[in-house]
């Protein structure tokens, strides 16, 4: 699937709700998301969404990699889970 800079919702895992939240957080394009990375994007999202969760972090990483979050490597999931636990306590 080919995306343009304004087509966040065309990325895997990013539906309308998450796309809207990303835009509210100032992340308005796939390139912007890729440059920021999933961890920084998650931190920005968590400032506007008190319900930001681990699955949201996985979804962001999957979007960056161009895959469904379920297909993330176990190693990457473990890294993200550690990051999540360190930043949400």
N, C-alpha and C. Protein backbone atom coordinates (compact mmCIF):
# COMPACT_ATOMS: atom_id res chain seq x y z
N UNK A 1 0.84 -1.18 0.00
CA UNK A 1 0.00 0.00 0.00
C UNK A 1 0.89 1.24 0.00
N UNK A 2 0.68 2.12 -0.95
CA UNK A 2 1.44 3.35 -1.06
C UNK A 2 0.74 4.44 -0.26
N UNK A 3 1.52 5.19 0.52
CA UNK A 3 0.93 6.26 1.31
C UNK A 3 1.57 7.58 0.94
N UNK A 4 0.82 8.64 1.12
CA UNK A 4 1.39 9.97 1.01
C UNK A 4 1.61 10.48 2.42
N UNK A 5 2.25 11.63 2.54
CA UNK A 5 2.58 12.14 3.86
C UNK A 5 1.38 12.35 4.75
N UNK A 6 0.20 12.56 4.20
CA UNK A 6 -0.96 12.85 5.03
C UNK A 6 -1.82 11.62 5.30
N UNK A 7 -1.37 10.45 4.91
CA UNK A 7 -2.20 9.26 5.03
C UNK A 7 -1.79 8.35 6.19
N UNK A 8 -1.81 8.88 7.38
CA UNK A 8 -1.50 8.06 8.55
C UNK A 8 -2.42 6.85 8.63
N UNK A 9 -3.68 7.06 8.34
CA UNK A 9 -4.65 5.97 8.51
C UNK A 9 -4.44 4.83 7.51
N UNK A 10 -3.61 5.04 6.50
CA UNK A 10 -3.32 3.96 5.55
C UNK A 10 -2.26 3.00 6.10
N UNK A 11 -1.58 3.39 7.17
CA UNK A 11 -0.59 2.51 7.77
C UNK A 11 -1.27 1.40 8.56
N UNK A 12 -0.64 0.23 8.64
CA UNK A 12 -1.24 -0.85 9.44
C UNK A 12 -1.45 -0.40 10.88
N UNK A 13 -2.52 -0.85 11.48
CA UNK A 13 -2.85 -0.64 12.91
C UNK A 13 -3.42 0.73 13.23
N UNK A 14 -3.41 1.66 12.29
CA UNK A 14 -3.84 3.03 12.60
C UNK A 14 -5.22 3.30 12.02
N UNK A 15 -6.22 3.15 12.86
CA UNK A 15 -7.58 3.49 12.47
C UNK A 15 -7.84 4.96 12.70
N UNK A 16 -9.06 5.37 12.50
CA UNK A 16 -9.43 6.78 12.61
C UNK A 16 -9.14 7.35 14.01
N UNK A 17 -9.49 6.62 15.04
CA UNK A 17 -9.31 7.13 16.41
C UNK A 17 -7.84 7.39 16.72
N UNK A 18 -7.00 6.41 16.45
CA UNK A 18 -5.57 6.58 16.74
C UNK A 18 -4.96 7.63 15.82
N UNK A 19 -5.37 7.67 14.58
CA UNK A 19 -4.89 8.70 13.65
C UNK A 19 -5.26 10.09 14.16
N UNK A 20 -6.48 10.26 14.62
CA UNK A 20 -6.91 11.56 15.16
C UNK A 20 -6.08 11.95 16.38
N UNK A 21 -5.79 10.98 17.24
CA UNK A 21 -4.98 11.25 18.43
C UNK A 21 -3.55 11.64 18.03
N UNK A 22 -3.01 10.95 17.04
CA UNK A 22 -1.66 11.29 16.57
C UNK A 22 -1.62 12.72 16.06
N UNK A 23 -2.63 13.09 15.30
CA UNK A 23 -2.68 14.46 14.76
C UNK A 23 -2.80 15.49 15.88
N UNK A 24 -3.60 15.19 16.89
CA UNK A 24 -3.71 16.08 18.05
C UNK A 24 -2.37 16.24 18.77
N UNK A 25 -1.57 15.18 18.73
CA UNK A 25 -0.26 15.21 19.38
C UNK A 25 0.81 15.83 18.48
N UNK A 26 0.41 16.27 17.29
CA UNK A 26 1.35 16.92 16.39
C UNK A 26 2.07 15.98 15.44
N UNK A 27 1.60 14.76 15.35
CA UNK A 27 2.20 13.77 14.44
C UNK A 27 1.22 13.62 13.28
N UNK A 28 1.55 14.24 12.15
CA UNK A 28 0.56 14.36 11.10
C UNK A 28 0.90 13.65 9.79
N UNK A 29 1.96 12.85 9.77
CA UNK A 29 2.29 12.13 8.54
C UNK A 29 3.05 10.84 8.87
N UNK A 30 3.03 9.88 7.95
CA UNK A 30 3.82 8.67 8.16
C UNK A 30 5.31 8.97 8.36
N UNK A 31 5.84 9.89 7.57
CA UNK A 31 7.26 10.24 7.73
C UNK A 31 7.54 10.82 9.11
N UNK A 32 6.64 11.67 9.57
CA UNK A 32 6.77 12.27 10.90
C UNK A 32 6.80 11.19 11.98
N UNK A 33 5.90 10.21 11.85
CA UNK A 33 5.84 9.10 12.80
C UNK A 33 7.11 8.28 12.76
N UNK A 34 7.59 7.95 11.55
CA UNK A 34 8.80 7.14 11.41
C UNK A 34 10.02 7.85 12.01
N UNK A 35 10.13 9.14 11.74
CA UNK A 35 11.26 9.91 12.26
C UNK A 35 11.23 9.99 13.78
N UNK A 36 10.06 10.09 14.34
CA UNK A 36 9.92 10.21 15.79
C UNK A 36 10.16 8.87 16.48
N UNK A 37 9.70 7.80 15.88
CA UNK A 37 9.81 6.49 16.49
C UNK A 37 8.63 6.21 17.41
N UNK A 38 8.40 4.95 17.66
CA UNK A 38 7.21 4.56 18.43
C UNK A 38 7.26 5.04 19.88
N UNK A 39 8.43 4.99 20.50
CA UNK A 39 8.51 5.39 21.91
C UNK A 39 8.21 6.87 22.10
N UNK A 40 8.83 7.72 21.32
CA UNK A 40 8.58 9.16 21.45
C UNK A 40 7.15 9.50 21.07
N UNK A 41 6.64 8.84 20.02
CA UNK A 41 5.25 9.08 19.62
C UNK A 41 4.31 8.67 20.75
N UNK A 42 4.58 7.55 21.39
CA UNK A 42 3.75 7.09 22.51
C UNK A 42 3.77 8.10 23.65
N UNK A 43 4.95 8.63 23.97
CA UNK A 43 5.04 9.62 25.05
C UNK A 43 4.20 10.85 24.72
N UNK A 44 4.23 11.29 23.46
CA UNK A 44 3.41 12.43 23.07
C UNK A 44 1.92 12.09 23.18
N UNK A 45 1.56 10.89 22.74
CA UNK A 45 0.15 10.47 22.84
C UNK A 45 -0.31 10.39 24.28
N UNK A 46 0.56 9.89 25.14
CA UNK A 46 0.14 9.71 26.54
C UNK A 46 -0.10 11.03 27.25
N UNK A 47 0.40 12.13 26.71
CA UNK A 47 0.12 13.44 27.31
C UNK A 47 -1.30 13.90 27.00
N UNK A 48 -1.88 13.39 25.92
CA UNK A 48 -3.25 13.79 25.56
C UNK A 48 -4.27 12.67 25.78
N UNK A 49 -3.79 11.45 26.05
CA UNK A 49 -4.69 10.31 26.23
C UNK A 49 -4.26 9.53 27.46
N UNK A 50 -4.97 9.72 28.55
CA UNK A 50 -4.61 9.03 29.80
C UNK A 50 -4.82 7.53 29.71
N UNK A 51 -5.49 7.07 28.67
CA UNK A 51 -5.73 5.64 28.49
C UNK A 51 -4.76 4.99 27.51
N UNK A 52 -3.70 5.70 27.14
CA UNK A 52 -2.71 5.12 26.23
C UNK A 52 -2.17 3.84 26.86
N UNK A 53 -2.14 2.77 26.07
CA UNK A 53 -1.81 1.46 26.62
C UNK A 53 -0.69 0.79 25.81
N UNK A 54 -0.26 -0.36 26.31
CA UNK A 54 0.79 -1.12 25.67
C UNK A 54 0.42 -1.51 24.24
N UNK A 55 -0.82 -1.88 24.02
CA UNK A 55 -1.24 -2.26 22.66
C UNK A 55 -1.14 -1.07 21.71
N UNK A 56 -1.35 0.13 22.21
CA UNK A 56 -1.20 1.32 21.38
C UNK A 56 0.27 1.48 20.98
N UNK A 57 1.16 1.25 21.91
CA UNK A 57 2.59 1.31 21.62
C UNK A 57 2.96 0.26 20.58
N UNK A 58 2.46 -0.95 20.73
CA UNK A 58 2.69 -1.99 19.74
C UNK A 58 2.14 -1.57 18.37
N UNK A 59 0.96 -0.98 18.36
CA UNK A 59 0.35 -0.54 17.10
C UNK A 59 1.23 0.50 16.40
N UNK A 60 1.78 1.42 17.16
CA UNK A 60 2.65 2.44 16.57
C UNK A 60 3.89 1.80 15.96
N UNK A 61 4.50 0.87 16.68
CA UNK A 61 5.70 0.21 16.16
C UNK A 61 5.37 -0.59 14.90
N UNK A 62 4.25 -1.29 14.92
CA UNK A 62 3.83 -2.04 13.74
C UNK A 62 3.60 -1.11 12.55
N UNK A 63 2.99 0.04 12.80
CA UNK A 63 2.75 1.00 11.72
C UNK A 63 4.08 1.46 11.13
N UNK A 64 5.04 1.73 11.98
CA UNK A 64 6.36 2.17 11.52
C UNK A 64 7.03 1.08 10.68
N UNK A 65 6.90 -0.16 11.12
CA UNK A 65 7.51 -1.27 10.39
C UNK A 65 6.68 -1.71 9.19
N UNK A 66 5.44 -1.24 9.10
CA UNK A 66 4.58 -1.61 7.98
C UNK A 66 3.95 -2.98 8.12
N UNK A 67 3.77 -3.42 9.39
CA UNK A 67 3.18 -4.73 9.66
C UNK A 67 2.12 -4.63 10.74
N UNK A 68 1.25 -5.63 10.81
CA UNK A 68 0.30 -5.71 11.92
C UNK A 68 1.10 -5.90 13.20
N UNK A 69 0.64 -5.31 14.29
CA UNK A 69 1.42 -5.37 15.52
C UNK A 69 1.59 -6.79 16.05
N UNK A 70 0.67 -7.67 15.71
CA UNK A 70 0.77 -9.07 16.14
C UNK A 70 2.01 -9.75 15.58
N UNK A 71 2.55 -9.21 14.48
CA UNK A 71 3.71 -9.80 13.82
C UNK A 71 5.04 -9.23 14.29
N UNK A 72 5.02 -8.32 15.25
CA UNK A 72 6.27 -7.80 15.79
C UNK A 72 7.08 -8.95 16.40
N UNK A 73 8.39 -8.86 16.32
CA UNK A 73 9.23 -9.90 16.91
C UNK A 73 9.05 -9.90 18.43
N UNK A 74 9.24 -11.05 19.03
CA UNK A 74 9.14 -11.15 20.49
C UNK A 74 10.17 -10.24 21.15
N UNK A 75 11.34 -10.13 20.54
CA UNK A 75 12.38 -9.27 21.10
C UNK A 75 11.92 -7.81 21.13
N UNK A 76 11.33 -7.35 20.02
CA UNK A 76 10.87 -5.95 19.98
C UNK A 76 9.71 -5.74 20.94
N UNK A 77 8.80 -6.71 21.02
CA UNK A 77 7.70 -6.59 21.97
C UNK A 77 8.22 -6.48 23.40
N UNK A 78 9.24 -7.26 23.71
CA UNK A 78 9.83 -7.21 25.06
C UNK A 78 10.45 -5.85 25.33
N UNK A 79 11.15 -5.29 24.35
CA UNK A 79 11.75 -3.96 24.50
C UNK A 79 10.67 -2.91 24.74
N UNK A 80 9.60 -2.99 23.96
CA UNK A 80 8.51 -2.02 24.09
C UNK A 80 7.80 -2.18 25.43
N UNK A 81 7.62 -3.41 25.87
CA UNK A 81 6.96 -3.65 27.16
C UNK A 81 7.80 -3.07 28.29
N UNK A 82 9.10 -3.24 28.24
CA UNK A 82 9.99 -2.68 29.24
C UNK A 82 9.89 -1.15 29.24
N UNK A 83 9.92 -0.55 28.05
CA UNK A 83 9.77 0.90 27.92
C UNK A 83 8.44 1.35 28.52
N UNK A 84 7.38 0.66 28.16
CA UNK A 84 6.03 0.99 28.67
C UNK A 84 6.00 0.94 30.20
N UNK A 85 6.53 -0.14 30.75
CA UNK A 85 6.52 -0.29 32.22
C UNK A 85 7.35 0.79 32.91
N UNK A 86 8.43 1.20 32.29
CA UNK A 86 9.28 2.23 32.89
C UNK A 86 8.64 3.62 32.81
N UNK A 87 7.82 3.85 31.80
CA UNK A 87 7.27 5.19 31.60
C UNK A 87 5.85 5.38 32.15
N UNK A 88 5.21 4.31 32.57
CA UNK A 88 3.82 4.44 33.03
C UNK A 88 3.66 4.19 34.52
N UNK A 89 4.72 4.08 35.22
CA UNK A 89 4.61 3.82 36.67
C UNK A 89 4.71 5.10 37.44
